[in-house]
Amino acid sequence: REATAEAELLALAAAKRRKTDPTTIRLRHILLRVKQDKQRVQDPVRRKEVVRTQVQAEATLRPILRKVLQDPGCFAAVAREISECTSALKGGESAGDMGWLAKTKLDK
């Protein structure tokens, strides 16, 4: 399983909205992978084996979530620094960016 911040949607809601369409929201995430059973899990960004547990990943992400909620402008830098999703490799403010989604889809 992959762990993301437990309140990821709160961080997503704080992301910048597309100026031309107020019915959409920008999706961004910081992902930490976790080791599952005896299966080897690889961090595709740093090309290292992942050894953390779900509990360890969540403990790592909680203070990061607080930091990003206090200062949304730091999101891209934090995503680039710790996220284990290839979206972290995007340049500038696009690190961790997953694109745009209609707000109506968030309820589903």
C-alpha atoms as a PDB file:
ATOM      1  CA  ARG A   1       0.000   0.000   0.000  1.00  0.00           C
ATOM      2  CA  GLU A   2       1.014   3.550  -0.507  1.00  0.00           C
ATOM      3  CA  ALA A   3       0.584   6.055   2.250  1.00  0.00           C
ATOM      4  CA  THR A   4      -0.418   9.626   1.648  1.00  0.00           C
ATOM      5  CA  ALA A   5      -1.167  12.314   4.190  1.00  0.00           C
ATOM      6  CA  GLU A   6      -4.372  11.424   6.015  1.00  0.00           C
ATOM      7  CA  ALA A   7      -5.891  14.796   5.237  1.00  0.00           C
ATOM      8  CA  GLU A   8      -4.683  14.915   1.651  1.00  0.00           C
ATOM      9  CA  LEU A   9      -7.974  16.370   0.492  1.00  0.00           C
ATOM     10  CA  LEU A  10      -7.517  19.334   2.831  1.00  0.00           C
ATOM     11  CA  ALA A  11      -4.166  20.072   1.242  1.00  0.00           C
ATOM     12  CA  LEU A  12      -5.692  19.628  -2.194  1.00  0.00           C
ATOM     13  CA  ALA A  13      -8.498  22.021  -1.353  1.00  0.00           C
ATOM     14  CA  ALA A  14      -5.901  24.594  -0.305  1.00  0.00           C
ATOM     15  CA  ALA A  15      -4.175  24.283  -3.686  1.00  0.00           C
ATOM     16  CA  LYS A  16      -4.653  27.067  -6.222  1.00  0.00           C
ATOM     17  CA  ARG A  17      -7.871  26.926  -8.172  1.00  0.00           C
ATOM     18  CA  ARG A  18      -7.883  27.234 -11.919  1.00  0.00           C
ATOM     19  CA  LYS A  19      -8.703  30.887 -12.564  1.00  0.00           C
ATOM     20  CA  THR A  20     -10.853  30.218 -15.583  1.00  0.00           C
ATOM     21  CA  ASP A  21     -13.049  27.556 -13.975  1.00  0.00           C
ATOM     22  CA  PRO A  22     -14.031  27.855 -10.298  1.00  0.00           C
ATOM     23  CA  THR A  23     -15.679  24.415 -10.440  1.00  0.00           C
ATOM     24  CA  THR A  24     -12.301  22.648 -10.640  1.00  0.00           C
ATOM     25  CA  ILE A  25      -9.578  22.002  -8.108  1.00  0.00           C
ATOM     26  CA  ARG A  26      -5.885  21.336  -8.575  1.00  0.00           C
ATOM     27  CA  LEU A  27      -4.807  17.931  -7.270  1.00  0.00           C
ATOM     28  CA  ARG A  28      -1.368  17.610  -5.715  1.00  0.00           C
ATOM     29  CA  HIS A  29       0.082  14.951  -3.496  1.00  0.00           C
ATOM     30  CA  ILE A  30       3.089  13.802  -1.523  1.00  0.00           C
ATOM     31  CA  LEU A  31       3.446  10.062  -1.557  1.00  0.00           C
ATOM     32  CA  LEU A  32       5.520   7.785   0.645  1.00  0.00           C
ATOM     33  CA  ARG A  33       5.634   4.135  -0.301  1.00  0.00           C
ATOM     34  CA  VAL A  34       5.594   1.407   2.332  1.00  0.00           C
ATOM     35  CA  LYS A  35       6.992  -2.081   2.503  1.00  0.00           C
ATOM     36  CA  GLN A  36       4.350  -4.785   2.264  1.00  0.00           C
ATOM     37  CA  ASP A  37       4.932  -8.190   3.768  1.00  0.00           C
ATOM     38  CA  LYS A  38       8.012  -9.667   2.123  1.00  0.00           C
ATOM     39  CA  GLN A  39       7.468  -7.951  -1.207  1.00  0.00           C
ATOM     40  CA  ARG A  40      10.233  -5.573  -2.290  1.00  0.00           C
ATOM     41  CA  VAL A  41       9.073  -2.009  -2.903  1.00  0.00           C
ATOM     42  CA  GLN A  42      11.159   0.466  -4.866  1.00  0.00           C
ATOM     43  CA  ASP A  43      11.173   4.263  -4.658  1.00  0.00           C
ATOM     44  CA  PRO A  44      11.154   5.178  -8.380  1.00  0.00           C
ATOM     45  CA  VAL A  45      12.402   8.708  -7.663  1.00  0.00           C
ATOM     46  CA  ARG A  46      15.492   7.867  -5.611  1.00  0.00           C
ATOM     47  CA  ARG A  47      15.841   4.300  -6.910  1.00  0.00           C
ATOM     48  CA  LYS A  48      16.186   2.846  -3.445  1.00  0.00           C
ATOM     49  CA  GLU A  49      14.370   0.018  -1.714  1.00  0.00           C
ATOM     50  CA  VAL A  50      11.604   1.161   0.637  1.00  0.00           C
ATOM     51  CA  VAL A  51      11.780  -0.293   4.150  1.00  0.00           C
ATOM     52  CA  ARG A  52       9.304   1.876   6.112  1.00  0.00           C
ATOM     53  CA  THR A  53       6.028   0.584   7.514  1.00  0.00           C
ATOM     54  CA  GLN A  54       2.607   2.183   7.119  1.00  0.00           C
ATOM     55  CA  VAL A  55       2.839   3.535  10.674  1.00  0.00           C
ATOM     56  CA  GLN A  56       6.272   5.061   9.989  1.00  0.00           C
ATOM     57  CA  ALA A  57       5.046   6.674   6.772  1.00  0.00           C
ATOM     58  CA  GLU A  58       2.050   8.215   8.511  1.00  0.00           C
ATOM     59  CA  ALA A  59       4.265   9.499  11.348  1.00  0.00           C
ATOM     60  CA  THR A  60       6.535  11.119   8.758  1.00  0.00           C
ATOM     61  CA  LEU A  61       3.656  12.697   6.849  1.00  0.00           C
ATOM     62  CA  ARG A  62       1.725  14.217   9.775  1.00  0.00           C
ATOM     63  CA  PRO A  63       4.188  17.075  10.482  1.00  0.00           C
ATOM     64  CA  ILE A  64       4.607  17.607   6.741  1.00  0.00           C
ATOM     65  CA  LEU A  65       0.851  18.004   6.366  1.00  0.00           C
ATOM     66  CA  ARG A  66       0.810  20.580   9.172  1.00  0.00           C
ATOM     67  CA  LYS A  67       3.667  22.485   7.502  1.00  0.00           C
ATOM     68  CA  VAL A  68       1.955  22.543   4.098  1.00  0.00           C
ATOM     69  CA  LEU A  69      -1.390  23.598   5.584  1.00  0.00           C
ATOM     70  CA  GLN A  70       0.342  26.494   7.361  1.00  0.00           C
ATOM     71  CA  ASP A  71       2.333  27.489   4.265  1.00  0.00           C
ATOM     72  CA  PRO A  72       0.794  26.147   1.022  1.00  0.00           C
ATOM     73  CA  GLY A  73       3.525  27.894  -0.960  1.00  0.00           C
ATOM     74  CA  CYS A  74       6.086  25.358   0.276  1.00  0.00           C
ATOM     75  CA  PHE A  75       4.213  22.398  -1.210  1.00  0.00           C
ATOM     76  CA  ALA A  76       6.285  21.957  -4.388  1.00  0.00           C
ATOM     77  CA  ALA A  77       9.598  22.132  -2.522  1.00  0.00           C
ATOM     78  CA  VAL A  78       8.410  19.607   0.067  1.00  0.00           C
ATOM     79  CA  ALA A  79       7.031  17.297  -2.625  1.00  0.00           C
ATOM     80  CA  ARG A  80      10.334  17.447  -4.494  1.00  0.00           C
ATOM     81  CA  GLU A  81      12.237  16.709  -1.288  1.00  0.00           C
ATOM     82  CA  ILE A  82      10.330  13.703   0.067  1.00  0.00           C
ATOM     83  CA  SER A  83       7.657  12.398  -2.299  1.00  0.00           C
ATOM     84  CA  GLU A  84       8.257   8.980  -3.824  1.00  0.00           C
ATOM     85  CA  CYS A  85       5.961   9.588  -6.775  1.00  0.00           C
ATOM     86  CA  THR A  86       7.437  10.456 -10.140  1.00  0.00           C
ATOM     87  CA  SER A  87       5.245  13.581 -10.118  1.00  0.00           C
ATOM     88  CA  ALA A  88       7.815  14.954  -7.627  1.00  0.00           C
ATOM     89  CA  LEU A  89      10.266  15.216 -10.514  1.00  0.00           C
ATOM     90  CA  LYS A  90       8.205  17.868 -12.281  1.00  0.00           C
ATOM     91  CA  GLY A  91       9.861  21.264 -12.392  1.00  0.00           C
ATOM     92  CA  GLY A  92       8.940  24.465 -10.599  1.00  0.00           C
ATOM     93  CA  GLU A  93       5.590  24.610  -8.833  1.00  0.00           C
ATOM     94  CA  SER A  94       4.427  21.452 -10.634  1.00  0.00           C
ATOM     95  CA  ALA A  95       6.160  19.004  -8.273  1.00  0.00           C
ATOM     96  CA  GLY A  96       3.512  16.613  -6.946  1.00  0.00           C
ATOM     97  CA  ASP A  97       0.932  17.967  -9.392  1.00  0.00           C
ATOM     98  CA  MET A  98      -1.675  15.475 -10.585  1.00  0.00           C
ATOM     99  CA  GLY A  99      -3.736  17.882 -12.668  1.00  0.00           C
ATOM    100  CA  TRP A 100      -7.228  19.309 -12.321  1.00  0.00           C
ATOM    101  CA  LEU A 101     -10.462  17.664 -11.210  1.00  0.00           C
ATOM    102  CA  ALA A 102     -14.070  18.828 -11.112  1.00  0.00           C
ATOM    103  CA  LYS A 103     -15.064  19.574  -7.527  1.00  0.00           C
ATOM    104  CA  THR A 104     -18.148  17.406  -7.968  1.00  0.00           C
ATOM    105  CA  LYS A 105     -15.852  14.357  -8.319  1.00  0.00           C
ATOM    106  CA  LEU A 106     -14.421  14.898  -4.802  1.00  0.00           C
ATOM    107  CA  ASP A 107     -17.671  13.752  -3.203  1.00  0.00           C
ATOM    108  CA  LYS A 108     -17.498  10.335  -4.862  1.00  0.00           C
END
